[in-house]
Amino acid sequence: NSQAETGDMTMAGTTVFMHAKKQQSLQEIHEKIHYIEGSEQISKTAQKINDVIIWTLVYEKYYFRVKGSASLSIVLTEYGQEQSACVISSGGGGGITNTSFGANRSYAKACVEVLEACGFRIVESDLDIHGKGCVQRFLD
């Protein structure tokens, strides 16, 4: 059993959707995300479906305050001069308080700041929809 299954750890997540008119290539954006302090790249995939380019980036960062790691997954999509980003960060907490202390939100915020510097703007985030998950909102 994993720690999450046994109740020794709680997981928390943050999702942010962003959009931009193309100002930089996906490669340039990736290079900037790649240098978020303390991040370690786990995976990078790129695919092209017709005229749509999709990059999936996965990172991990250790947070001393939670004695654990947070993950950061970014899906970058480009179609012509339009770009979008879906930023998903999750992190677990442990110890006596069994909390993540906002590590996932800190990690997502660092990525959002990089994307904003690349011309992206937030379309929707967990904070915008009053406690209802982004995915659930699109399924309603």
N, C-alpha and C. Protein backbone atom coordinates (compact mmCIF):
# COMPACT_ATOMS: atom_id res chain seq x y z
N ASN A 1 0.83 -1.20 0.00
CA ASN A 1 0.00 0.00 0.00
C ASN A 1 0.87 1.26 0.00
N SER A 2 0.45 2.25 -0.79
CA SER A 2 1.16 3.52 -0.79
C SER A 2 0.76 4.31 0.46
N GLN A 3 1.53 5.36 0.76
CA GLN A 3 1.19 6.19 1.91
C GLN A 3 -0.18 6.83 1.74
N ALA A 4 -0.51 7.23 0.50
CA ALA A 4 -1.82 7.85 0.26
C ALA A 4 -2.94 6.87 0.55
N GLU A 5 -2.73 5.59 0.28
CA GLU A 5 -3.76 4.59 0.52
C GLU A 5 -3.92 4.27 2.00
N THR A 6 -2.84 4.35 2.75
CA THR A 6 -2.91 3.99 4.17
C THR A 6 -3.30 5.14 5.06
N GLY A 7 -3.42 6.34 4.50
CA GLY A 7 -3.83 7.48 5.29
C GLY A 7 -2.67 8.22 5.94
N ASP A 8 -1.43 7.83 5.66
CA ASP A 8 -0.28 8.51 6.23
C ASP A 8 0.05 9.79 5.49
N MET A 9 -0.57 10.02 4.34
CA MET A 9 -0.26 11.19 3.54
C MET A 9 -1.53 11.69 2.86
N THR A 10 -1.69 13.01 2.79
CA THR A 10 -2.80 13.56 2.04
C THR A 10 -2.24 14.20 0.77
N MET A 11 -3.03 14.20 -0.27
CA MET A 11 -2.62 14.80 -1.53
C MET A 11 -3.46 16.04 -1.77
N ALA A 12 -2.85 17.03 -2.37
CA ALA A 12 -3.54 18.26 -2.73
C ALA A 12 -3.15 18.61 -4.14
N GLY A 13 -4.05 19.24 -4.88
CA GLY A 13 -3.75 19.57 -6.27
C GLY A 13 -4.22 20.96 -6.65
N THR A 14 -3.60 21.49 -7.69
CA THR A 14 -3.93 22.80 -8.24
C THR A 14 -3.92 22.67 -9.75
N THR A 15 -4.94 23.23 -10.42
CA THR A 15 -5.02 23.21 -11.87
C THR A 15 -5.24 24.63 -12.37
N VAL A 16 -4.49 25.02 -13.42
CA VAL A 16 -4.60 26.35 -14.02
C VAL A 16 -4.61 26.19 -15.53
N PHE A 17 -5.60 26.80 -16.20
CA PHE A 17 -5.66 26.84 -17.65
C PHE A 17 -5.22 28.22 -18.11
N MET A 18 -4.38 28.26 -19.17
CA MET A 18 -3.85 29.53 -19.66
C MET A 18 -3.92 29.57 -21.19
N HIS A 19 -3.86 30.78 -21.74
CA HIS A 19 -3.93 30.96 -23.19
C HIS A 19 -2.99 32.10 -23.60
N ALA A 20 -2.49 32.03 -24.84
CA ALA A 20 -1.63 33.10 -25.35
C ALA A 20 -1.69 33.15 -26.87
N LYS A 21 -1.48 34.33 -27.41
CA LYS A 21 -1.14 34.47 -28.82
C LYS A 21 0.35 34.18 -28.88
N LYS A 22 0.76 33.40 -29.84
CA LYS A 22 2.14 32.93 -29.91
C LYS A 22 3.13 34.09 -29.92
N GLN A 23 4.01 34.09 -28.92
CA GLN A 23 5.11 35.05 -28.85
C GLN A 23 6.45 34.33 -28.87
N GLN A 24 6.44 33.07 -28.40
CA GLN A 24 7.66 32.28 -28.33
C GLN A 24 7.34 30.85 -28.75
N SER A 25 8.36 30.14 -29.19
CA SER A 25 8.16 28.74 -29.56
C SER A 25 7.94 27.90 -28.31
N LEU A 26 7.37 26.71 -28.49
CA LEU A 26 7.20 25.81 -27.35
C LEU A 26 8.56 25.44 -26.76
N GLN A 27 9.57 25.32 -27.60
CA GLN A 27 10.92 25.03 -27.11
C GLN A 27 11.42 26.15 -26.19
N GLU A 28 11.23 27.40 -26.58
CA GLU A 28 11.66 28.52 -25.75
C GLU A 28 10.90 28.55 -24.42
N ILE A 29 9.60 28.26 -24.48
CA ILE A 29 8.79 28.22 -23.26
C ILE A 29 9.29 27.10 -22.35
N HIS A 30 9.53 25.94 -22.93
CA HIS A 30 10.04 24.79 -22.17
C HIS A 30 11.34 25.13 -21.48
N GLU A 31 12.25 25.79 -22.18
CA GLU A 31 13.55 26.15 -21.59
C GLU A 31 13.37 27.04 -20.37
N LYS A 32 12.40 27.93 -20.39
CA LYS A 32 12.17 28.81 -19.25
C LYS A 32 11.54 28.06 -18.08
N ILE A 33 10.59 27.16 -18.37
CA ILE A 33 9.98 26.36 -17.31
C ILE A 33 11.03 25.45 -16.68
N HIS A 34 11.92 24.94 -17.52
CA HIS A 34 12.95 24.00 -17.09
C HIS A 34 13.83 24.56 -15.97
N TYR A 35 13.92 25.88 -15.90
CA TYR A 35 14.81 26.49 -14.90
C TYR A 35 14.09 27.01 -13.66
N ILE A 36 12.88 26.54 -13.40
CA ILE A 36 12.23 26.86 -12.12
C ILE A 36 13.10 26.26 -11.03
N GLU A 37 13.45 27.08 -10.07
CA GLU A 37 14.40 26.67 -9.02
C GLU A 37 13.99 25.36 -8.35
N GLY A 38 14.92 24.43 -8.32
CA GLY A 38 14.72 23.16 -7.63
C GLY A 38 13.99 22.10 -8.44
N SER A 39 13.56 22.43 -9.66
CA SER A 39 12.81 21.47 -10.47
C SER A 39 13.72 20.45 -11.12
N GLU A 40 13.21 19.23 -11.17
CA GLU A 40 13.90 18.16 -11.89
C GLU A 40 12.94 17.62 -12.94
N GLN A 41 13.37 17.64 -14.20
CA GLN A 41 12.51 17.14 -15.27
C GLN A 41 12.43 15.63 -15.20
N ILE A 42 11.20 15.12 -15.22
CA ILE A 42 10.95 13.69 -15.19
C ILE A 42 10.67 13.17 -16.59
N SER A 43 9.91 13.93 -17.37
CA SER A 43 9.50 13.47 -18.69
C SER A 43 9.20 14.65 -19.61
N LYS A 44 9.43 14.44 -20.90
CA LYS A 44 9.06 15.42 -21.92
C LYS A 44 8.64 14.64 -23.16
N THR A 45 7.41 14.85 -23.61
CA THR A 45 6.98 14.23 -24.85
C THR A 45 6.45 15.32 -25.77
N ALA A 46 6.59 15.10 -27.05
CA ALA A 46 6.08 16.02 -28.06
C ALA A 46 5.39 15.21 -29.14
N GLN A 47 4.24 15.68 -29.57
CA GLN A 47 3.55 15.01 -30.66
C GLN A 47 2.85 16.04 -31.52
N LYS A 48 2.58 15.63 -32.74
CA LYS A 48 1.86 16.50 -33.67
C LYS A 48 0.69 15.71 -34.24
N ILE A 49 -0.49 16.27 -34.11
CA ILE A 49 -1.69 15.68 -34.67
C ILE A 49 -2.27 16.69 -35.65
N ASN A 50 -2.18 16.36 -36.93
CA ASN A 50 -2.54 17.30 -38.00
C ASN A 50 -1.72 18.58 -37.80
N ASP A 51 -2.36 19.70 -37.55
CA ASP A 51 -1.65 20.97 -37.37
C ASP A 51 -1.49 21.38 -35.91
N VAL A 52 -1.81 20.47 -35.00
CA VAL A 52 -1.73 20.78 -33.57
C VAL A 52 -0.48 20.13 -32.97
N ILE A 53 0.31 20.93 -32.27
CA ILE A 53 1.51 20.45 -31.60
C ILE A 53 1.19 20.39 -30.10
N ILE A 54 1.53 19.25 -29.48
CA ILE A 54 1.23 19.04 -28.06
C ILE A 54 2.50 18.59 -27.35
N TRP A 55 2.91 19.35 -26.35
CA TRP A 55 4.04 18.97 -25.51
C TRP A 55 3.51 18.66 -24.12
N THR A 56 3.99 17.58 -23.54
CA THR A 56 3.66 17.24 -22.16
C THR A 56 4.96 17.20 -21.36
N LEU A 57 5.03 18.02 -20.34
CA LEU A 57 6.22 18.15 -19.50
C LEU A 57 5.87 17.76 -18.07
N VAL A 58 6.73 16.97 -17.46
CA VAL A 58 6.49 16.57 -16.08
C VAL A 58 7.76 16.85 -15.27
N TYR A 59 7.58 17.54 -14.15
CA TYR A 59 8.67 17.92 -13.26
C TYR A 59 8.35 17.49 -11.84
N GLU A 60 9.38 17.51 -11.02
CA GLU A 60 9.23 17.21 -9.60
C GLU A 60 10.15 18.14 -8.82
N LYS A 61 9.71 18.52 -7.65
CA LYS A 61 10.51 19.40 -6.80
C LYS A 61 10.34 18.96 -5.35
N TYR A 62 11.44 18.88 -4.64
CA TYR A 62 11.41 18.49 -3.22
C TYR A 62 11.16 19.73 -2.37
N TYR A 63 10.24 19.62 -1.42
CA TYR A 63 9.94 20.70 -0.49
C TYR A 63 10.30 20.24 0.92
N PHE A 64 11.26 20.93 1.54
CA PHE A 64 11.68 20.57 2.89
C PHE A 64 10.55 20.74 3.89
N ARG A 65 9.69 21.76 3.70
CA ARG A 65 8.63 22.04 4.68
C ARG A 65 7.62 20.91 4.78
N VAL A 66 7.49 20.09 3.73
CA VAL A 66 6.56 18.95 3.81
C VAL A 66 7.31 17.62 3.81
N LYS A 67 8.65 17.72 3.72
CA LYS A 67 9.48 16.51 3.67
C LYS A 67 9.00 15.56 2.58
N GLY A 68 8.68 16.16 1.43
CA GLY A 68 8.20 15.37 0.30
C GLY A 68 8.24 16.19 -0.98
N SER A 69 7.85 15.55 -2.06
CA SER A 69 7.92 16.19 -3.37
C SER A 69 6.56 16.63 -3.86
N ALA A 70 6.58 17.63 -4.71
CA ALA A 70 5.41 18.06 -5.45
C ALA A 70 5.70 17.79 -6.92
N SER A 71 4.67 17.45 -7.67
CA SER A 71 4.85 17.24 -9.10
C SER A 71 4.20 18.38 -9.86
N LEU A 72 4.73 18.62 -11.06
CA LEU A 72 4.22 19.67 -11.93
C LEU A 72 4.10 19.07 -13.32
N SER A 73 2.88 19.02 -13.84
CA SER A 73 2.64 18.53 -15.20
C SER A 73 2.09 19.69 -16.02
N ILE A 74 2.68 19.91 -17.19
CA ILE A 74 2.26 21.00 -18.06
C ILE A 74 1.97 20.43 -19.43
N VAL A 75 0.79 20.72 -19.95
CA VAL A 75 0.46 20.35 -21.32
C VAL A 75 0.42 21.66 -22.12
N LEU A 76 1.36 21.80 -23.04
CA LEU A 76 1.43 22.97 -23.91
C LEU A 76 0.88 22.58 -25.28
N THR A 77 -0.04 23.37 -25.80
CA THR A 77 -0.65 23.08 -27.09
C THR A 77 -0.49 24.29 -27.99
N GLU A 78 -0.18 24.03 -29.26
CA GLU A 78 -0.03 25.12 -30.22
C GLU A 78 -0.77 24.78 -31.50
N TYR A 79 -1.61 25.71 -31.95
CA TYR A 79 -2.33 25.57 -33.20
C TYR A 79 -2.24 26.92 -33.90
N GLY A 80 -1.43 26.98 -34.94
CA GLY A 80 -1.20 28.25 -35.63
C GLY A 80 -0.56 29.25 -34.69
N GLN A 81 -1.21 30.37 -34.48
CA GLN A 81 -0.69 31.42 -33.60
C GLN A 81 -1.31 31.38 -32.20
N GLU A 82 -2.08 30.33 -31.91
CA GLU A 82 -2.71 30.18 -30.60
C GLU A 82 -1.96 29.14 -29.78
N GLN A 83 -1.73 29.46 -28.52
CA GLN A 83 -1.09 28.52 -27.60
C GLN A 83 -1.94 28.42 -26.33
N SER A 84 -1.93 27.23 -25.74
CA SER A 84 -2.61 27.06 -24.47
C SER A 84 -1.72 26.24 -23.56
N ALA A 85 -1.99 26.36 -22.28
CA ALA A 85 -1.25 25.60 -21.27
C ALA A 85 -2.22 25.14 -20.20
N CYS A 86 -2.05 23.90 -19.79
CA CYS A 86 -2.76 23.37 -18.64
C CYS A 86 -1.68 23.00 -17.64
N VAL A 87 -1.69 23.64 -16.49
CA VAL A 87 -0.70 23.43 -15.44
C VAL A 87 -1.37 22.66 -14.32
N ILE A 88 -0.83 21.51 -13.98
CA ILE A 88 -1.39 20.70 -12.90
C ILE A 88 -0.26 20.38 -11.93
N SER A 89 -0.45 20.78 -10.68
CA SER A 89 0.55 20.50 -9.66
C SER A 89 -0.11 19.74 -8.54
N SER A 90 0.59 18.74 -8.03
CA SER A 90 0.06 18.01 -6.88
C SER A 90 1.21 17.73 -5.92
N GLY A 91 0.86 17.59 -4.66
CA GLY A 91 1.88 17.32 -3.66
C GLY A 91 1.26 16.67 -2.44
N GLY A 92 2.06 15.92 -1.78
CA GLY A 92 1.58 15.23 -0.59
C GLY A 92 2.23 15.79 0.65
N GLY A 93 1.55 15.65 1.73
CA GLY A 93 2.09 16.06 3.02
C GLY A 93 2.16 14.86 3.94
N GLY A 94 2.97 14.97 4.92
CA GLY A 94 3.09 13.87 5.87
C GLY A 94 3.31 14.40 7.26
N GLY A 95 3.73 13.56 8.13
CA GLY A 95 4.02 13.98 9.49
C GLY A 95 2.79 14.12 10.34
N ILE A 96 2.97 14.79 11.47
CA ILE A 96 1.90 14.93 12.46
C ILE A 96 0.71 15.69 11.90
N THR A 97 0.95 16.76 11.14
CA THR A 97 -0.16 17.57 10.63
C THR A 97 -0.78 17.01 9.37
N ASN A 98 -0.08 16.10 8.68
CA ASN A 98 -0.61 15.44 7.49
C ASN A 98 -1.13 16.44 6.47
N THR A 99 -0.35 17.48 6.19
CA THR A 99 -0.77 18.52 5.27
C THR A 99 0.35 18.87 4.30
N SER A 100 -0.01 19.44 3.15
CA SER A 100 0.99 19.77 2.13
C SER A 100 1.54 21.19 2.30
N PHE A 101 0.98 21.98 3.20
CA PHE A 101 1.41 23.36 3.44
C PHE A 101 1.46 24.18 2.15
N GLY A 102 0.62 23.85 1.19
CA GLY A 102 0.53 24.63 -0.05
C GLY A 102 1.67 24.42 -1.02
N ALA A 103 2.44 23.35 -0.87
CA ALA A 103 3.57 23.11 -1.77
C ALA A 103 3.11 23.04 -3.22
N ASN A 104 1.97 22.37 -3.46
CA ASN A 104 1.48 22.26 -4.83
C ASN A 104 1.11 23.62 -5.41
N ARG A 105 0.50 24.47 -4.60
CA ARG A 105 0.14 25.82 -5.09
C ARG A 105 1.38 26.66 -5.35
N SER A 106 2.39 26.54 -4.52
CA SER A 106 3.64 27.27 -4.74
C SER A 106 4.30 26.86 -6.05
N TYR A 107 4.29 25.57 -6.32
CA TYR A 107 4.91 25.05 -7.53
C TYR A 107 4.12 25.51 -8.76
N ALA A 108 2.80 25.42 -8.69
CA ALA A 108 1.95 25.89 -9.80
C ALA A 108 2.17 27.38 -10.04
N LYS A 109 2.25 28.15 -8.95
CA LYS A 109 2.43 29.60 -9.07
C LYS A 109 3.75 29.93 -9.76
N ALA A 110 4.81 29.21 -9.44
CA ALA A 110 6.11 29.45 -10.08
C ALA A 110 6.01 29.22 -11.58
N CYS A 111 5.30 28.17 -11.97
CA CYS A 111 5.12 27.88 -13.40
C CYS A 111 4.25 28.94 -14.07
N VAL A 112 3.16 29.32 -13.43
CA VAL A 112 2.27 30.34 -13.98
C VAL A 112 3.02 31.65 -14.20
N GLU A 113 3.89 32.02 -13.27
CA GLU A 113 4.67 33.25 -13.42
C GLU A 113 5.58 33.18 -14.65
N VAL A 114 6.19 32.02 -14.89
CA VAL A 114 7.03 31.84 -16.08
C VAL A 114 6.17 31.97 -17.33
N LEU A 115 5.01 31.33 -17.34
CA LEU A 115 4.14 31.39 -18.51
C LEU A 115 3.61 32.80 -18.75
N GLU A 116 3.29 33.52 -17.69
CA GLU A 116 2.84 34.91 -17.84
C GLU A 116 3.94 35.76 -18.48
N ALA A 117 5.19 35.52 -18.12
CA ALA A 117 6.32 36.23 -18.73
C ALA A 117 6.47 35.88 -20.21
N CYS A 118 5.91 34.74 -20.61
CA CYS A 118 5.94 34.30 -22.01
C CYS A 118 4.69 34.77 -22.77
N GLY A 119 3.84 35.57 -22.14
CA GLY A 119 2.67 36.12 -22.80
C GLY A 119 1.36 35.42 -22.51
N PHE A 120 1.36 34.40 -21.66
CA PHE A 120 0.13 33.69 -21.34
C PHE A 120 -0.68 34.47 -20.31
N ARG A 121 -1.98 34.25 -20.34
CA ARG A 121 -2.86 34.81 -19.31
C ARG A 121 -3.72 33.68 -18.75
N ILE A 122 -4.08 33.81 -17.50
CA ILE A 122 -4.90 32.79 -16.86
C ILE A 122 -6.32 32.87 -17.41
N VAL A 123 -6.84 31.75 -17.84
CA VAL A 123 -8.23 31.65 -18.29
C VAL A 123 -9.09 31.17 -17.13
N GLU A 124 -8.57 30.18 -16.40
CA GLU A 124 -9.32 29.63 -15.28
C GLU A 124 -8.36 28.89 -14.36
N SER A 125 -8.65 28.94 -13.07
CA SER A 125 -7.85 28.19 -12.11
C SER A 125 -8.76 27.71 -11.00
N ASP A 126 -8.23 26.83 -10.16
CA ASP A 126 -9.02 26.33 -9.04
C ASP A 126 -9.59 27.47 -8.20
N LEU A 127 -8.86 28.55 -8.09
CA LEU A 127 -9.30 29.66 -7.26
C LEU A 127 -10.47 30.42 -7.87
N ASP A 128 -10.67 30.29 -9.20
CA ASP A 128 -11.72 31.03 -9.88
C ASP A 128 -13.09 30.38 -9.80
N ILE A 129 -13.14 29.13 -9.41
CA ILE A 129 -14.40 28.41 -9.58
C ILE A 129 -14.99 27.92 -8.26
N HIS A 130 -14.63 28.57 -7.18
CA HIS A 130 -15.28 28.38 -5.89
C HIS A 130 -15.35 26.92 -5.44
N GLY A 131 -14.21 26.28 -5.43
CA GLY A 131 -14.13 24.94 -4.88
C GLY A 131 -14.53 23.81 -5.82
N LYS A 132 -14.98 24.11 -7.02
CA LYS A 132 -15.36 23.05 -7.96
C LYS A 132 -14.18 22.81 -8.89
N GLY A 133 -13.74 21.57 -9.01
CA GLY A 133 -12.59 21.25 -9.83
C GLY A 133 -12.76 21.67 -11.27
N CYS A 134 -11.66 22.11 -11.91
CA CYS A 134 -11.71 22.58 -13.29
C CYS A 134 -12.30 21.52 -14.21
N VAL A 135 -11.86 20.29 -14.09
CA VAL A 135 -12.34 19.23 -14.97
C VAL A 135 -13.84 19.05 -14.79
N GLN A 136 -14.31 19.03 -13.55
CA GLN A 136 -15.73 18.85 -13.30
C GLN A 136 -16.54 19.98 -13.92
N ARG A 137 -16.01 21.19 -13.90
CA ARG A 137 -16.74 22.31 -14.47
C ARG A 137 -16.96 22.11 -15.95
N PHE A 138 -15.95 21.55 -16.66
CA PHE A 138 -16.09 21.34 -18.10
C PHE A 138 -16.99 20.16 -18.40
N LEU A 139 -17.16 19.24 -17.48
CA LEU A 139 -18.01 18.08 -17.70
C LEU A 139 -19.47 18.38 -17.41
N ASP A 140 -19.75 19.43 -16.64
CA ASP A 140 -21.15 19.79 -16.29
C ASP A 140 -21.91 20.28 -17.50
